[in-house]
Amino acid sequence: MTATSPTILDVPVDRATSKEIKRLVGKIEKLLDERDVLIRRARDEGASLREIAELLHVNHVTVKNLL
């Protein structure tokens, strides 16, 4: 006996919502670039990976991977 799965219909995203999401994605990309610059600067100034990680609320391995 095989079960049939229900069909899920795609509902298009509202135009205003789509526009807002795209705007936020652009902001996020810019902020992540700024974060990466500041991480490199902190490292160049002598901060340890653990110190930087604590500020970012991540572990030091994550910081190392960003560098």
PDB file of N, CA and C in Angstrom:
ATOM      1  N   MET A   1       0.842  -1.161   0.000  1.00  0.00           N
ATOM      2  CA  MET A   1       0.000   0.000   0.000  1.00  0.00           C
ATOM      3  C   MET A   1       0.904   1.246   0.000  1.00  0.00           C
ATOM      4  N   THR A   2       0.689   2.127  -0.913  1.00  0.00           N
ATOM      5  CA  THR A   2       1.473   3.359  -0.968  1.00  0.00           C
ATOM      6  C   THR A   2       0.592   4.540  -0.591  1.00  0.00           C
ATOM      7  N   ALA A   3       1.183   5.452   0.127  1.00  0.00           N
ATOM      8  CA  ALA A   3       0.449   6.642   0.535  1.00  0.00           C
ATOM      9  C   ALA A   3       0.705   7.755  -0.471  1.00  0.00           C
ATOM     10  N   THR A   4      -0.299   8.510  -0.712  1.00  0.00           N
ATOM     11  CA  THR A   4      -0.115   9.655  -1.602  1.00  0.00           C
ATOM     12  C   THR A   4       0.203  10.882  -0.761  1.00  0.00           C
ATOM     13  N   SER A   5       1.074  11.712  -1.285  1.00  0.00           N
ATOM     14  CA  SER A   5       1.417  12.927  -0.548  1.00  0.00           C
ATOM     15  C   SER A   5       0.580  14.082  -1.072  1.00  0.00           C
ATOM     16  N   PRO A   6       0.240  14.990  -0.184  1.00  0.00           N
ATOM     17  CA  PRO A   6      -0.575  16.124  -0.615  1.00  0.00           C
ATOM     18  C   PRO A   6       0.223  17.052  -1.528  1.00  0.00           C
ATOM     19  N   THR A   7      -0.474  17.690  -2.416  1.00  0.00           N
ATOM     20  CA  THR A   7       0.169  18.649  -3.299  1.00  0.00           C
ATOM     21  C   THR A   7       0.235  19.991  -2.585  1.00  0.00           C
ATOM     22  N   ILE A   8       1.415  20.579  -2.585  1.00  0.00           N
ATOM     23  CA  ILE A   8       1.597  21.890  -1.968  1.00  0.00           C
ATOM     24  C   ILE A   8       1.747  22.898  -3.094  1.00  0.00           C
ATOM     25  N   LEU A   9       0.869  23.849  -3.114  1.00  0.00           N
ATOM     26  CA  LEU A   9       0.898  24.855  -4.156  1.00  0.00           C
ATOM     27  C   LEU A   9       1.847  25.990  -3.777  1.00  0.00           C
ATOM     28  N   ASP A  10       2.617  26.437  -4.737  1.00  0.00           N
ATOM     29  CA  ASP A  10       3.487  27.587  -4.518  1.00  0.00           C
ATOM     30  C   ASP A  10       2.651  28.851  -4.533  1.00  0.00           C
ATOM     31  N   VAL A  11       2.875  29.670  -3.527  1.00  0.00           N
ATOM     32  CA  VAL A  11       2.198  30.963  -3.458  1.00  0.00           C
ATOM     33  C   VAL A  11       3.268  32.026  -3.670  1.00  0.00           C
ATOM     34  N   PRO A  12       3.097  32.877  -4.665  1.00  0.00           N
ATOM     35  CA  PRO A  12       4.128  33.883  -4.921  1.00  0.00           C
ATOM     36  C   PRO A  12       4.244  34.871  -3.761  1.00  0.00           C
ATOM     37  N   VAL A  13       5.463  35.342  -3.542  1.00  0.00           N
ATOM     38  CA  VAL A  13       5.710  36.332  -2.496  1.00  0.00           C
ATOM     39  C   VAL A  13       5.156  37.673  -2.953  1.00  0.00           C
ATOM     40  N   ASP A  14       4.523  38.357  -2.029  1.00  0.00           N
ATOM     41  CA  ASP A  14       3.992  39.684  -2.311  1.00  0.00           C
ATOM     42  C   ASP A  14       5.118  40.586  -2.820  1.00  0.00           C
ATOM     43  N   ARG A  15       4.804  41.435  -3.769  1.00  0.00           N
ATOM     44  CA  ARG A  15       5.811  42.298  -4.401  1.00  0.00           C
ATOM     45  C   ARG A  15       6.525  43.194  -3.379  1.00  0.00           C
ATOM     46  N   ALA A  16       5.784  43.786  -2.460  1.00  0.00           N
ATOM     47  CA  ALA A  16       6.383  44.661  -1.443  1.00  0.00           C
ATOM     48  C   ALA A  16       7.295  43.861  -0.511  1.00  0.00           C
ATOM     49  N   THR A  17       6.872  42.665  -0.144  1.00  0.00           N
ATOM     50  CA  THR A  17       7.686  41.809   0.718  1.00  0.00           C
ATOM     51  C   THR A  17       8.969  41.408   0.005  1.00  0.00           C
ATOM     52  N   SER A  18       8.852  41.044  -1.253  1.00  0.00           N
ATOM     53  CA  SER A  18      10.021  40.668  -2.041  1.00  0.00           C
ATOM     54  C   SER A  18      11.021  41.820  -2.122  1.00  0.00           C
ATOM     55  N   LYS A  19      10.513  43.019  -2.358  1.00  0.00           N
ATOM     56  CA  LYS A  19      11.372  44.196  -2.451  1.00  0.00           C
ATOM     57  C   LYS A  19      12.095  44.448  -1.124  1.00  0.00           C
ATOM     58  N   GLU A  20      11.371  44.308  -0.018  1.00  0.00           N
ATOM     59  CA  GLU A  20      11.959  44.525   1.309  1.00  0.00           C
ATOM     60  C   GLU A  20      13.029  43.484   1.621  1.00  0.00           C
ATOM     61  N   ILE A  21      12.775  42.235   1.264  1.00  0.00           N
ATOM     62  CA  ILE A  21      13.765  41.173   1.480  1.00  0.00           C
ATOM     63  C   ILE A  21      15.036  41.476   0.696  1.00  0.00           C
ATOM     64  N   LYS A  22      14.898  41.862  -0.553  1.00  0.00           N
ATOM     65  CA  LYS A  22      16.066  42.178  -1.377  1.00  0.00           C
ATOM     66  C   LYS A  22      16.851  43.352  -0.800  1.00  0.00           C
ATOM     67  N   ARG A  23      16.124  44.353  -0.266  1.00  0.00           N
ATOM     68  CA  ARG A  23      16.782  45.505   0.353  1.00  0.00           C
ATOM     69  C   ARG A  23      17.587  45.059   1.575  1.00  0.00           C
ATOM     70  N   LEU A  24      16.994  44.194   2.389  1.00  0.00           N
ATOM     71  CA  LEU A  24      17.680  43.711   3.580  1.00  0.00           C
ATOM     72  C   LEU A  24      18.886  42.849   3.235  1.00  0.00           C
ATOM     73  N   VAL A  25      18.780  42.050   2.193  1.00  0.00           N
ATOM     74  CA  VAL A  25      19.909  41.216   1.767  1.00  0.00           C
ATOM     75  C   VAL A  25      21.098  42.106   1.403  1.00  0.00           C
ATOM     76  N   GLY A  26      20.841  43.195   0.711  1.00  0.00           N
ATOM     77  CA  GLY A  26      21.909  44.130   0.375  1.00  0.00           C
ATOM     78  C   GLY A  26      22.552  44.732   1.606  1.00  0.00           C
ATOM     79  N   LYS A  27      21.735  45.105   2.599  1.00  0.00           N
ATOM     80  CA  LYS A  27      22.257  45.660   3.844  1.00  0.00           C
ATOM     81  C   LYS A  27      23.102  44.630   4.582  1.00  0.00           C
ATOM     82  N   ILE A  28      22.601  43.407   4.637  1.00  0.00           N
ATOM     83  CA  ILE A  28      23.314  42.341   5.343  1.00  0.00           C
ATOM     84  C   ILE A  28      24.676  42.096   4.705  1.00  0.00           C
ATOM     85  N   GLU A  29      24.727  42.044   3.376  1.00  0.00           N
ATOM     86  CA  GLU A  29      26.001  41.831   2.690  1.00  0.00           C
ATOM     87  C   GLU A  29      26.992  42.933   3.038  1.00  0.00           C
ATOM     88  N   LYS A  30      26.529  44.169   3.065  1.00  0.00           N
ATOM     89  CA  LYS A  30      27.397  45.302   3.399  1.00  0.00           C
ATOM     90  C   LYS A  30      27.885  45.195   4.846  1.00  0.00           C
ATOM     91  N   LEU A  31      26.995  44.862   5.760  1.00  0.00           N
ATOM     92  CA  LEU A  31      27.374  44.731   7.164  1.00  0.00           C
ATOM     93  C   LEU A  31      28.354  43.579   7.389  1.00  0.00           C
ATOM     94  N   LEU A  32      28.174  42.479   6.687  1.00  0.00           N
ATOM     95  CA  LEU A  32      29.116  41.363   6.816  1.00  0.00           C
ATOM     96  C   LEU A  32      30.495  41.750   6.300  1.00  0.00           C
ATOM     97  N   ASP A  33      30.552  42.532   5.228  1.00  0.00           N
ATOM     98  CA  ASP A  33      31.835  43.025   4.723  1.00  0.00           C
ATOM     99  C   ASP A  33      32.506  43.917   5.765  1.00  0.00           C
ATOM    100  N   GLU A  34      31.728  44.809   6.390  1.00  0.00           N
ATOM    101  CA  GLU A  34      32.277  45.676   7.439  1.00  0.00           C
ATOM    102  C   GLU A  34      32.783  44.849   8.614  1.00  0.00           C
ATOM    103  N   ARG A  35      32.012  43.832   9.006  1.00  0.00           N
ATOM    104  CA  ARG A  35      32.429  42.957  10.098  1.00  0.00           C
ATOM    105  C   ARG A  35      33.763  42.296   9.800  1.00  0.00           C
ATOM    106  N   ASP A  36      33.905  41.795   8.581  1.00  0.00           N
ATOM    107  CA  ASP A  36      35.136  41.110   8.208  1.00  0.00           C
ATOM    108  C   ASP A  36      36.343  42.047   8.240  1.00  0.00           C
ATOM    109  N   VAL A  37      36.144  43.290   7.807  1.00  0.00           N
ATOM    110  CA  VAL A  37      37.228  44.286   7.852  1.00  0.00           C
ATOM    111  C   VAL A  37      37.634  44.532   9.309  1.00  0.00           C
ATOM    112  N   LEU A  38      36.655  44.673  10.182  1.00  0.00           N
ATOM    113  CA  LEU A  38      36.947  44.926  11.593  1.00  0.00           C
ATOM    114  C   LEU A  38      37.612  43.727  12.265  1.00  0.00           C
ATOM    115  N   ILE A  39      37.218  42.524  11.879  1.00  0.00           N
ATOM    116  CA  ILE A  39      37.866  41.326  12.423  1.00  0.00           C
ATOM    117  C   ILE A  39      39.335  41.321  12.039  1.00  0.00           C
ATOM    118  N   ARG A  40      39.624  41.605  10.763  1.00  0.00           N
ATOM    119  CA  ARG A  40      41.019  41.626  10.322  1.00  0.00           C
ATOM    120  C   ARG A  40      41.809  42.721  11.037  1.00  0.00           C
ATOM    121  N   ARG A  41      41.171  43.880  11.210  1.00  0.00           N
ATOM    122  CA  ARG A  41      41.845  44.976  11.903  1.00  0.00           C
ATOM    123  C   ARG A  41      42.161  44.591  13.354  1.00  0.00           C
ATOM    124  N   ALA A  42      41.201  43.991  14.034  1.00  0.00           N
ATOM    125  CA  ALA A  42      41.419  43.573  15.420  1.00  0.00           C
ATOM    126  C   ALA A  42      42.553  42.561  15.505  1.00  0.00           C
ATOM    127  N   ARG A  43      42.582  41.652  14.558  1.00  0.00           N
ATOM    128  CA  ARG A  43      43.656  40.635  14.543  1.00  0.00           C
ATOM    129  C   ARG A  43      45.006  41.299  14.290  1.00  0.00           C
ATOM    130  N   ASP A  44      45.052  42.238  13.344  1.00  0.00           N
ATOM    131  CA  ASP A  44      46.292  42.954  13.048  1.00  0.00           C
ATOM    132  C   ASP A  44      46.771  43.764  14.253  1.00  0.00           C
ATOM    133  N   GLU A  45      45.824  44.231  15.071  1.00  0.00           N
ATOM    134  CA  GLU A  45      46.167  45.011  16.265  1.00  0.00           C
ATOM    135  C   GLU A  45      46.572  44.121  17.436  1.00  0.00           C
ATOM    136  N   GLY A  46      46.522  42.800  17.233  1.00  0.00           N
ATOM    137  CA  GLY A  46      47.004  41.880  18.255  1.00  0.00           C
ATOM    138  C   GLY A  46      45.942  41.136  19.050  1.00  0.00           C
ATOM    139  N   ALA A  47      44.681  41.336  18.753  1.00  0.00           N
ATOM    140  CA  ALA A  47      43.627  40.620  19.478  1.00  0.00           C
ATOM    141  C   ALA A  47      43.691  39.129  19.145  1.00  0.00           C
ATOM    142  N   SER A  48      43.421  38.325  20.140  1.00  0.00           N
ATOM    143  CA  SER A  48      43.418  36.875  19.911  1.00  0.00           C
ATOM    144  C   SER A  48      42.109  36.461  19.239  1.00  0.00           C
ATOM    145  N   LEU A  49      42.138  35.286  18.646  1.00  0.00           N
ATOM    146  CA  LEU A  49      40.928  34.753  18.026  1.00  0.00           C
ATOM    147  C   LEU A  49      39.813  34.617  19.058  1.00  0.00           C
ATOM    148  N   ARG A  50      40.173  34.217  20.259  1.00  0.00           N
ATOM    149  CA  ARG A  50      39.175  34.037  21.320  1.00  0.00           C
ATOM    150  C   ARG A  50      38.565  35.375  21.740  1.00  0.00           C
ATOM    151  N   GLU A  51      39.379  36.424  21.810  1.00  0.00           N
ATOM    152  CA  GLU A  51      38.850  37.748  22.162  1.00  0.00           C
ATOM    153  C   GLU A  51      37.843  38.223  21.111  1.00  0.00           C
ATOM    154  N   ILE A  52      38.224  38.065  19.864  1.00  0.00           N
ATOM    155  CA  ILE A  52      37.340  38.489  18.770  1.00  0.00           C
ATOM    156  C   ILE A  52      36.067  37.648  18.783  1.00  0.00           C
ATOM    157  N   ALA A  53      36.222  36.351  18.979  1.00  0.00           N
ATOM    158  CA  ALA A  53      35.072  35.443  19.001  1.00  0.00           C
ATOM    159  C   ALA A  53      34.095  35.819  20.106  1.00  0.00           C
ATOM    160  N   GLU A  54      34.619  36.203  21.249  1.00  0.00           N
ATOM    161  CA  GLU A  54      33.741  36.588  22.365  1.00  0.00           C
ATOM    162  C   GLU A  54      32.896  37.802  21.984  1.00  0.00           C
ATOM    163  N   LEU A  55      33.491  38.761  21.300  1.00  0.00           N
ATOM    164  CA  LEU A  55      32.744  39.942  20.859  1.00  0.00           C
ATOM    165  C   LEU A  55      31.646  39.587  19.854  1.00  0.00           C
ATOM    166  N   LEU A  56      31.916  38.593  19.038  1.00  0.00           N
ATOM    167  CA  LEU A  56      30.976  38.188  17.990  1.00  0.00           C
ATOM    168  C   LEU A  56      29.972  37.127  18.444  1.00  0.00           C
ATOM    169  N   HIS A  57      30.175  36.608  19.647  1.00  0.00           N
ATOM    170  CA  HIS A  57      29.326  35.527  20.170  1.00  0.00           C
ATOM    171  C   HIS A  57      29.409  34.274  19.295  1.00  0.00           C
ATOM    172  N   VAL A  58      30.629  33.955  18.891  1.00  0.00           N
ATOM    173  CA  VAL A  58      30.908  32.725  18.135  1.00  0.00           C
ATOM    174  C   VAL A  58      32.146  32.086  18.755  1.00  0.00           C
ATOM    175  N   ASN A  59      32.556  30.937  18.247  1.00  0.00           N
ATOM    176  CA  ASN A  59      33.782  30.339  18.776  1.00  0.00           C
ATOM    177  C   ASN A  59      34.987  30.776  17.941  1.00  0.00           C
ATOM    178  N   HIS A  60      36.176  30.540  18.489  1.00  0.00           N
ATOM    179  CA  HIS A  60      37.405  31.010  17.830  1.00  0.00           C
ATOM    180  C   HIS A  60      37.646  30.342  16.482  1.00  0.00           C
ATOM    181  N   VAL A  61      37.136  29.140  16.301  1.00  0.00           N
ATOM    182  CA  VAL A  61      37.306  28.448  15.020  1.00  0.00           C
ATOM    183  C   VAL A  61      36.537  29.197  13.921  1.00  0.00           C
ATOM    184  N   THR A  62      35.368  29.693  14.264  1.00  0.00           N
ATOM    185  CA  THR A  62      34.577  30.471  13.307  1.00  0.00           C
ATOM    186  C   THR A  62      35.342  31.706  12.890  1.00  0.00           C
ATOM    187  N   VAL A  63      35.965  32.384  13.837  1.00  0.00           N
ATOM    188  CA  VAL A  63      36.767  33.573  13.514  1.00  0.00           C
ATOM    189  C   VAL A  63      37.932  33.200  12.621  1.00  0.00           C
ATOM    190  N   LYS A  64      38.603  32.105  12.950  1.00  0.00           N
ATOM    191  CA  LYS A  64      39.740  31.659  12.126  1.00  0.00           C
ATOM    192  C   LYS A  64      39.285  31.399  10.699  1.00  0.00           C
ATOM    193  N   ASN A  65      38.119  30.792  10.529  1.00  0.00           N
ATOM    194  CA  ASN A  65      37.600  30.510   9.185  1.00  0.00           C
ATOM    195  C   ASN A  65      37.262  31.791   8.428  1.00  0.00           C
ATOM    196  N   LEU A  66      36.872  32.841   9.153  1.00  0.00           N
ATOM    197  CA  LEU A  66      36.569  34.119   8.499  1.00  0.00           C
ATOM    198  C   LEU A  66      37.828  34.817   8.014  1.00  0.00           C
ATOM    199  N   LEU A  67      38.942  34.543   8.695  1.00  0.00           N
ATOM    200  CA  LEU A  67      40.194  35.161   8.290  1.00  0.00           C
ATOM    201  C   LEU A  67      40.765  34.413   7.103  1.00  0.00           C
TER     202      LEU A  67
END
